[in-house]
Amino acid sequence: LGYATDERWPSYFAYRAAPLGPVGPRLVNALFYS
């Protein structure tokens, strides 16, 4: 898809947040919390 995979985080955020739709960092930050 074009995501960087030298670390796990880019795909982690995309895969986990995708059900929410095209949400921005502020909402993701609130929901993922830690």
ModelCIF file with pLDDT and N, C-alpha, C, O atoms, coordinates in Angstrom:
data_MODEL
#
_entry.id   MODEL 
#
_entity.id                         1 
_entity.type                       polymer 
_entity.pdbx_number_of_molecules   1 
#
_entity_poly.entity_id                      1 
_entity_poly.type                           'polypeptide(L)' 
_entity_poly.nstd_linkage                   no 
_entity_poly.nstd_monomer                   no 
_entity_poly.pdbx_seq_one_letter_code       LGYATDERWPSYFAYRAAPLGPVGPRLVNALFYS 
_entity_poly.pdbx_seq_one_letter_code_can   LGYATDERWPSYFAYRAAPLGPVGPRLVNALFYS 
_entity_poly.pdbx_strand_id                 A 
#
loop_
_entity_poly_seq.entity_id 
_entity_poly_seq.num 
_entity_poly_seq.mon_id 
_entity_poly_seq.hetero 
1 1  LEU n 
1 2  GLY n 
1 3  TYR n 
1 4  ALA n 
1 5  THR n 
1 6  ASP n 
1 7  GLU n 
1 8  ARG n 
1 9  TRP n 
1 10 PRO n 
1 11 SER n 
1 12 TYR n 
1 13 PHE n 
1 14 ALA n 
1 15 TYR n 
1 16 ARG n 
1 17 ALA n 
1 18 ALA n 
1 19 PRO n 
1 20 LEU n 
1 21 GLY n 
1 22 PRO n 
1 23 VAL n 
1 24 GLY n 
1 25 PRO n 
1 26 ARG n 
1 27 LEU n 
1 28 VAL n 
1 29 ASN n 
1 30 ALA n 
1 31 LEU n 
1 32 PHE n 
1 33 TYR n 
1 34 SER n 
#
_struct_asym.id          A 
_struct_asym.entity_id   1 
#
loop_
_ma_qa_metric.id 
_ma_qa_metric.mode 
_ma_qa_metric.name 
_ma_qa_metric.software_group_id 
_ma_qa_metric.type 
1 global pLDDT . pLDDT 
2 local  pLDDT . pLDDT 
#
_ma_qa_metric_global.metric_id      1 
_ma_qa_metric_global.metric_value   94.88 
_ma_qa_metric_global.model_id       1 
_ma_qa_metric_global.ordinal_id     1 
#
loop_
_ma_qa_metric_local.label_asym_id 
_ma_qa_metric_local.label_comp_id 
_ma_qa_metric_local.label_seq_id 
_ma_qa_metric_local.metric_id 
_ma_qa_metric_local.metric_value 
_ma_qa_metric_local.model_id 
_ma_qa_metric_local.ordinal_id 
A LEU 1  2 98.00 1 1  
A GLY 2  2 97.00 1 2  
A TYR 3  2 97.00 1 3  
A ALA 4  2 95.00 1 4  
A THR 5  2 95.00 1 5  
A ASP 6  2 92.00 1 6  
A GLU 7  2 91.00 1 7  
A ARG 8  2 90.00 1 8  
A TRP 9  2 93.00 1 9  
A PRO 10 2 95.00 1 10 
A SER 11 2 96.00 1 11 
A TYR 12 2 94.00 1 12 
A PHE 13 2 96.00 1 13 
A ALA 14 2 97.00 1 14 
A TYR 15 2 98.00 1 15 
A ARG 16 2 97.00 1 16 
A ALA 17 2 97.00 1 17 
A ALA 18 2 98.00 1 18 
A PRO 19 2 98.00 1 19 
A LEU 20 2 97.00 1 20 
A GLY 21 2 97.00 1 21 
A PRO 22 2 97.00 1 22 
A VAL 23 2 96.00 1 23 
A GLY 24 2 95.00 1 24 
A PRO 25 2 95.00 1 25 
A ARG 26 2 94.00 1 26 
A LEU 27 2 94.00 1 27 
A VAL 28 2 94.00 1 28 
A ASN 29 2 92.00 1 29 
A ALA 30 2 92.00 1 30 
A LEU 31 2 94.00 1 31 
A PHE 32 2 93.00 1 32 
A TYR 33 2 92.00 1 33 
A SER 34 2 90.00 1 34 
#
loop_
_atom_site.group_PDB 
_atom_site.id 
_atom_site.type_symbol 
_atom_site.label_atom_id 
_atom_site.label_alt_id 
_atom_site.label_comp_id 
_atom_site.label_asym_id 
_atom_site.label_entity_id 
_atom_site.label_seq_id 
_atom_site.pdbx_PDB_ins_code 
_atom_site.Cartn_x 
_atom_site.Cartn_y 
_atom_site.Cartn_z 
_atom_site.occupancy 
_atom_site.B_iso_or_equiv 
_atom_site.pdbx_formal_charge 
_atom_site.auth_seq_id 
_atom_site.auth_comp_id 
_atom_site.auth_asym_id 
_atom_site.auth_atom_id 
_atom_site.pdbx_PDB_model_num 
ATOM 1   N N  . LEU A 1 1  ? 0.820   -1.216 0.000  1.00 98.00 ? 1  LEU A N  1 
ATOM 2   C CA . LEU A 1 1  ? 0.000   0.000  0.000  1.00 98.00 ? 1  LEU A CA 1 
ATOM 3   C C  . LEU A 1 1  ? 0.853   1.264  0.000  1.00 98.00 ? 1  LEU A C  1 
ATOM 4   O O  . LEU A 1 1  ? 0.368   2.351  -0.316 1.00 98.00 ? 1  LEU A O  1 
ATOM 5   N N  . GLY A 1 2  ? 2.108   1.115  0.352  1.00 97.00 ? 2  GLY A N  1 
ATOM 6   C CA . GLY A 1 2  ? 2.994   2.273  0.377  1.00 97.00 ? 2  GLY A CA 1 
ATOM 7   C C  . GLY A 1 2  ? 3.447   2.709  1.752  1.00 97.00 ? 2  GLY A C  1 
ATOM 8   O O  . GLY A 1 2  ? 4.104   3.742  1.878  1.00 97.00 ? 2  GLY A O  1 
ATOM 9   N N  . TYR A 1 3  ? 3.113   1.942  2.804  1.00 97.00 ? 3  TYR A N  1 
ATOM 10  C CA . TYR A 1 3  ? 3.527   2.304  4.152  1.00 97.00 ? 3  TYR A CA 1 
ATOM 11  C C  . TYR A 1 3  ? 4.969   1.865  4.415  1.00 97.00 ? 3  TYR A C  1 
ATOM 12  O O  . TYR A 1 3  ? 5.414   0.829  3.922  1.00 97.00 ? 3  TYR A O  1 
ATOM 13  N N  . ALA A 1 4  ? 5.680   2.663  5.189  1.00 95.00 ? 4  ALA A N  1 
ATOM 14  C CA . ALA A 1 4  ? 7.024   2.277  5.618  1.00 95.00 ? 4  ALA A CA 1 
ATOM 15  C C  . ALA A 1 4  ? 6.926   1.084  6.559  1.00 95.00 ? 4  ALA A C  1 
ATOM 16  O O  . ALA A 1 4  ? 6.021   1.021  7.391  1.00 95.00 ? 4  ALA A O  1 
ATOM 17  N N  . THR A 1 5  ? 7.842   0.149  6.434  1.00 95.00 ? 5  THR A N  1 
ATOM 18  C CA . THR A 1 5  ? 7.812   -1.050 7.275  1.00 95.00 ? 5  THR A CA 1 
ATOM 19  C C  . THR A 1 5  ? 9.146   -1.293 7.975  1.00 95.00 ? 5  THR A C  1 
ATOM 20  O O  . THR A 1 5  ? 9.405   -2.397 8.454  1.00 95.00 ? 5  THR A O  1 
ATOM 21  N N  . ASP A 1 6  ? 10.001  -0.257 8.036  1.00 92.00 ? 6  ASP A N  1 
ATOM 22  C CA . ASP A 1 6  ? 11.248  -0.409 8.775  1.00 92.00 ? 6  ASP A CA 1 
ATOM 23  C C  . ASP A 1 6  ? 10.993  -0.414 10.278 1.00 92.00 ? 6  ASP A C  1 
ATOM 24  O O  . ASP A 1 6  ? 11.858  -0.820 11.054 1.00 92.00 ? 6  ASP A O  1 
ATOM 25  N N  . GLU A 1 7  ? 9.817   0.031  10.689 1.00 91.00 ? 7  GLU A N  1 
ATOM 26  C CA . GLU A 1 7  ? 9.330   -0.110 12.063 1.00 91.00 ? 7  GLU A CA 1 
ATOM 27  C C  . GLU A 1 7  ? 7.856   -0.499 11.969 1.00 91.00 ? 7  GLU A C  1 
ATOM 28  O O  . GLU A 1 7  ? 7.242   -0.350 10.913 1.00 91.00 ? 7  GLU A O  1 
ATOM 29  N N  . ARG A 1 8  ? 7.294   -0.989 13.050 1.00 90.00 ? 8  ARG A N  1 
ATOM 30  C CA . ARG A 1 8  ? 5.924   -1.504 12.968 1.00 90.00 ? 8  ARG A CA 1 
ATOM 31  C C  . ARG A 1 8  ? 4.855   -0.432 13.081 1.00 90.00 ? 8  ARG A C  1 
ATOM 32  O O  . ARG A 1 8  ? 3.697   -0.694 12.756 1.00 90.00 ? 8  ARG A O  1 
ATOM 33  N N  . TRP A 1 9  ? 5.204   0.768  13.533 1.00 93.00 ? 9  TRP A N  1 
ATOM 34  C CA . TRP A 1 9  ? 4.188   1.740  13.876 1.00 93.00 ? 9  TRP A CA 1 
ATOM 35  C C  . TRP A 1 9  ? 3.364   2.274  12.707 1.00 93.00 ? 9  TRP A C  1 
ATOM 36  O O  . TRP A 1 9  ? 2.151   2.407  12.868 1.00 93.00 ? 9  TRP A O  1 
ATOM 37  N N  . PRO A 1 10 ? 3.936   2.591  11.539 1.00 95.00 ? 10 PRO A N  1 
ATOM 38  C CA . PRO A 1 10 ? 3.075   3.116  10.464 1.00 95.00 ? 10 PRO A CA 1 
ATOM 39  C C  . PRO A 1 10 ? 1.937   2.174  10.093 1.00 95.00 ? 10 PRO A C  1 
ATOM 40  O O  . PRO A 1 10 ? 0.800   2.613  9.915  1.00 95.00 ? 10 PRO A O  1 
ATOM 41  N N  . SER A 1 11 ? 2.238   0.875  9.976  1.00 96.00 ? 11 SER A N  1 
ATOM 42  C CA . SER A 1 11 ? 1.176   -0.073 9.638  1.00 96.00 ? 11 SER A CA 1 
ATOM 43  C C  . SER A 1 11 ? 0.249   -0.305 10.828 1.00 96.00 ? 11 SER A C  1 
ATOM 44  O O  . SER A 1 11 ? -0.951  -0.511 10.644 1.00 96.00 ? 11 SER A O  1 
ATOM 45  N N  . TYR A 1 12 ? 0.790   -0.273 12.045 1.00 94.00 ? 12 TYR A N  1 
ATOM 46  C CA . TYR A 1 12 ? -0.045  -0.437 13.236 1.00 94.00 ? 12 TYR A CA 1 
ATOM 47  C C  . TYR A 1 12 ? -1.137  0.629  13.284 1.00 94.00 ? 12 TYR A C  1 
ATOM 48  O O  . TYR A 1 12 ? -2.313  0.316  13.470 1.00 94.00 ? 12 TYR A O  1 
ATOM 49  N N  . PHE A 1 13 ? -0.739  1.883  13.115 1.00 96.00 ? 13 PHE A N  1 
ATOM 50  C CA . PHE A 1 13 ? -1.725  2.956  13.177 1.00 96.00 ? 13 PHE A CA 1 
ATOM 51  C C  . PHE A 1 13 ? -2.741  2.845  12.046 1.00 96.00 ? 13 PHE A C  1 
ATOM 52  O O  . PHE A 1 13 ? -3.938  3.033  12.264 1.00 96.00 ? 13 PHE A O  1 
ATOM 53  N N  . ALA A 1 14 ? -2.275  2.543  10.855 1.00 97.00 ? 14 ALA A N  1 
ATOM 54  C CA . ALA A 1 14 ? -3.200  2.436  9.722  1.00 97.00 ? 14 ALA A CA 1 
ATOM 55  C C  . ALA A 1 14 ? -4.178  1.282  9.921  1.00 97.00 ? 14 ALA A C  1 
ATOM 56  O O  . ALA A 1 14 ? -5.387  1.463  9.773  1.00 97.00 ? 14 ALA A O  1 
ATOM 57  N N  . TYR A 1 15 ? -3.670  0.107  10.254 1.00 98.00 ? 15 TYR A N  1 
ATOM 58  C CA . TYR A 1 15 ? -4.536  -1.059 10.420 1.00 98.00 ? 15 TYR A CA 1 
ATOM 59  C C  . TYR A 1 15 ? -5.540  -0.867 11.561 1.00 98.00 ? 15 TYR A C  1 
ATOM 60  O O  . TYR A 1 15 ? -6.718  -1.195 11.421 1.00 98.00 ? 15 TYR A O  1 
ATOM 61  N N  . ARG A 1 16 ? -5.067  -0.336 12.679 1.00 97.00 ? 16 ARG A N  1 
ATOM 62  C CA . ARG A 1 16 ? -5.950  -0.250 13.848 1.00 97.00 ? 16 ARG A CA 1 
ATOM 63  C C  . ARG A 1 16 ? -6.961  0.879  13.719 1.00 97.00 ? 16 ARG A C  1 
ATOM 64  O O  . ARG A 1 16 ? -8.086  0.755  14.203 1.00 97.00 ? 16 ARG A O  1 
ATOM 65  N N  . ALA A 1 17 ? -6.581  1.979  13.074 1.00 97.00 ? 17 ALA A N  1 
ATOM 66  C CA . ALA A 1 17 ? -7.481  3.127  12.963 1.00 97.00 ? 17 ALA A CA 1 
ATOM 67  C C  . ALA A 1 17 ? -8.413  3.043  11.767 1.00 97.00 ? 17 ALA A C  1 
ATOM 68  O O  . ALA A 1 17 ? -9.414  3.759  11.724 1.00 97.00 ? 17 ALA A O  1 
ATOM 69  N N  . ALA A 1 18 ? -8.116  2.192  10.799 1.00 98.00 ? 18 ALA A N  1 
ATOM 70  C CA . ALA A 1 18 ? -8.892  2.169  9.554  1.00 98.00 ? 18 ALA A CA 1 
ATOM 71  C C  . ALA A 1 18 ? -10.400 1.999  9.759  1.00 98.00 ? 18 ALA A C  1 
ATOM 72  O O  . ALA A 1 18 ? -11.167 2.622  9.024  1.00 98.00 ? 18 ALA A O  1 
ATOM 73  N N  . PRO A 1 19 ? -10.871 1.183  10.728 1.00 98.00 ? 19 PRO A N  1 
ATOM 74  C CA . PRO A 1 19 ? -12.323 1.068  10.892 1.00 98.00 ? 19 PRO A CA 1 
ATOM 75  C C  . PRO A 1 19 ? -13.006 2.384  11.252 1.00 98.00 ? 19 PRO A C  1 
ATOM 76  O O  . PRO A 1 19 ? -14.217 2.513  11.077 1.00 98.00 ? 19 PRO A O  1 
ATOM 77  N N  . LEU A 1 20 ? -12.256 3.356  11.748 1.00 97.00 ? 20 LEU A N  1 
ATOM 78  C CA . LEU A 1 20 ? -12.819 4.648  12.132 1.00 97.00 ? 20 LEU A CA 1 
ATOM 79  C C  . LEU A 1 20 ? -13.033 5.567  10.941 1.00 97.00 ? 20 LEU A C  1 
ATOM 80  O O  . LEU A 1 20 ? -13.730 6.576  11.055 1.00 97.00 ? 20 LEU A O  1 
ATOM 81  N N  . GLY A 1 21 ? -12.439 5.230  9.793  1.00 97.00 ? 21 GLY A N  1 
ATOM 82  C CA . GLY A 1 21 ? -12.473 6.126  8.652  1.00 97.00 ? 21 GLY A CA 1 
ATOM 83  C C  . GLY A 1 21 ? -11.247 7.021  8.651  1.00 97.00 ? 21 GLY A C  1 
ATOM 84  O O  . GLY A 1 21 ? -10.310 6.780  9.412  1.00 97.00 ? 21 GLY A O  1 
ATOM 85  N N  . PRO A 1 22 ? -11.233 8.059  7.806  1.00 97.00 ? 22 PRO A N  1 
ATOM 86  C CA . PRO A 1 22 ? -10.036 8.900  7.641  1.00 97.00 ? 22 PRO A CA 1 
ATOM 87  C C  . PRO A 1 22 ? -9.874  9.912  8.773  1.00 97.00 ? 22 PRO A C  1 
ATOM 88  O O  . PRO A 1 22 ? -9.918  11.121 8.545  1.00 97.00 ? 22 PRO A O  1 
ATOM 89  N N  . VAL A 1 23 ? -9.688  9.411  9.989  1.00 96.00 ? 23 VAL A N  1 
ATOM 90  C CA . VAL A 1 23 ? -9.581  10.280 11.165 1.00 96.00 ? 23 VAL A CA 1 
ATOM 91  C C  . VAL A 1 23 ? -8.167  10.843 11.279 1.00 96.00 ? 23 VAL A C  1 
ATOM 92  O O  . VAL A 1 23 ? -7.206  10.262 10.773 1.00 96.00 ? 23 VAL A O  1 
ATOM 93  N N  . GLY A 1 24 ? -8.063  11.984 11.953 1.00 95.00 ? 24 GLY A N  1 
ATOM 94  C CA . GLY A 1 24 ? -6.783  12.635 12.122 1.00 95.00 ? 24 GLY A CA 1 
ATOM 95  C C  . GLY A 1 24 ? -6.089  12.260 13.418 1.00 95.00 ? 24 GLY A C  1 
ATOM 96  O O  . GLY A 1 24 ? -6.646  11.524 14.233 1.00 95.00 ? 24 GLY A O  1 
ATOM 97  N N  . PRO A 1 25 ? -4.865  12.765 13.614 1.00 95.00 ? 25 PRO A N  1 
ATOM 98  C CA . PRO A 1 25 ? -4.054  12.396 14.781 1.00 95.00 ? 25 PRO A CA 1 
ATOM 99  C C  . PRO A 1 25 ? -4.714  12.695 16.114 1.00 95.00 ? 25 PRO A C  1 
ATOM 100 O O  . PRO A 1 25 ? -4.550  11.933 17.067 1.00 95.00 ? 25 PRO A O  1 
ATOM 101 N N  . ARG A 1 26 ? -5.463  13.796 16.200 1.00 94.00 ? 26 ARG A N  1 
ATOM 102 C CA . ARG A 1 26 ? -6.028  14.165 17.501 1.00 94.00 ? 26 ARG A CA 1 
ATOM 103 C C  . ARG A 1 26 ? -7.008  13.117 18.006 1.00 94.00 ? 26 ARG A C  1 
ATOM 104 O O  . ARG A 1 26 ? -6.980  12.766 19.186 1.00 94.00 ? 26 ARG A O  1 
ATOM 105 N N  . LEU A 1 27 ? -7.871  12.614 17.138 1.00 94.00 ? 27 LEU A N  1 
ATOM 106 C CA . LEU A 1 27 ? -8.819  11.580 17.553 1.00 94.00 ? 27 LEU A CA 1 
ATOM 107 C C  . LEU A 1 27 ? -8.103  10.269 17.818 1.00 94.00 ? 27 LEU A C  1 
ATOM 108 O O  . LEU A 1 27 ? -8.403  9.592  18.801 1.00 94.00 ? 27 LEU A O  1 
ATOM 109 N N  . VAL A 1 28 ? -7.164  9.898  16.961 1.00 94.00 ? 28 VAL A N  1 
ATOM 110 C CA . VAL A 1 28 ? -6.406  8.664  17.184 1.00 94.00 ? 28 VAL A CA 1 
ATOM 111 C C  . VAL A 1 28 ? -5.673  8.735  18.514 1.00 94.00 ? 28 VAL A C  1 
ATOM 112 O O  . VAL A 1 28 ? -5.659  7.763  19.268 1.00 94.00 ? 28 VAL A O  1 
ATOM 113 N N  . ASN A 1 29 ? -5.066  9.872  18.806 1.00 92.00 ? 29 ASN A N  1 
ATOM 114 C CA . ASN A 1 29 ? -4.348  10.040 20.057 1.00 92.00 ? 29 ASN A CA 1 
ATOM 115 C C  . ASN A 1 29 ? -5.288  9.865  21.253 1.00 92.00 ? 29 ASN A C  1 
ATOM 116 O O  . ASN A 1 29 ? -4.924  9.244  22.251 1.00 92.00 ? 29 ASN A O  1 
ATOM 117 N N  . ALA A 1 30 ? -6.483  10.410 21.145 1.00 92.00 ? 30 ALA A N  1 
ATOM 118 C CA . ALA A 1 30 ? -7.448  10.299 22.239 1.00 92.00 ? 30 ALA A CA 1 
ATOM 119 C C  . ALA A 1 30 ? -7.874  8.855  22.472 1.00 92.00 ? 30 ALA A C  1 
ATOM 120 O O  . ALA A 1 30 ? -8.013  8.422  23.616 1.00 92.00 ? 30 ALA A O  1 
ATOM 121 N N  . LEU A 1 31 ? -8.080  8.118  21.397 1.00 94.00 ? 31 LEU A N  1 
ATOM 122 C CA . LEU A 1 31 ? -8.599  6.759  21.516 1.00 94.00 ? 31 LEU A CA 1 
ATOM 123 C C  . LEU A 1 31 ? -7.524  5.741  21.855 1.00 94.00 ? 31 LEU A C  1 
ATOM 124 O O  . LEU A 1 31 ? -7.768  4.809  22.621 1.00 94.00 ? 31 LEU A O  1 
ATOM 125 N N  . PHE A 1 32 ? -6.316  5.917  21.278 1.00 93.00 ? 32 PHE A N  1 
ATOM 126 C CA . PHE A 1 32 ? -5.235  4.958  21.550 1.00 93.00 ? 32 PHE A CA 1 
ATOM 127 C C  . PHE A 1 32 ? -4.605  5.225  22.916 1.00 93.00 ? 32 PHE A C  1 
ATOM 128 O O  . PHE A 1 32 ? -4.033  4.316  23.516 1.00 93.00 ? 32 PHE A O  1 
ATOM 129 N N  . TYR A 1 33 ? -4.697  6.430  23.402 1.00 92.00 ? 33 TYR A N  1 
ATOM 130 C CA . TYR A 1 33 ? -4.446  6.884  24.762 1.00 92.00 ? 33 TYR A CA 1 
ATOM 131 C C  . TYR A 1 33 ? -2.987  6.902  25.197 1.00 92.00 ? 33 TYR A C  1 
ATOM 132 O O  . TYR A 1 33 ? -2.480  7.971  25.537 1.00 92.00 ? 33 TYR A O  1 
ATOM 133 N N  . SER A 1 34 ? -2.292  5.775  25.204 1.00 90.00 ? 34 SER A N  1 
ATOM 134 C CA . SER A 1 34 ? -0.992  5.726  25.886 1.00 90.00 ? 34 SER A CA 1 
ATOM 135 C C  . SER A 1 34 ? 0.205   5.920  24.964 1.00 90.00 ? 34 SER A C  1 
ATOM 136 O O  . SER A 1 34 ? 1.347   5.898  25.423 1.00 90.00 ? 34 SER A O  1 
#
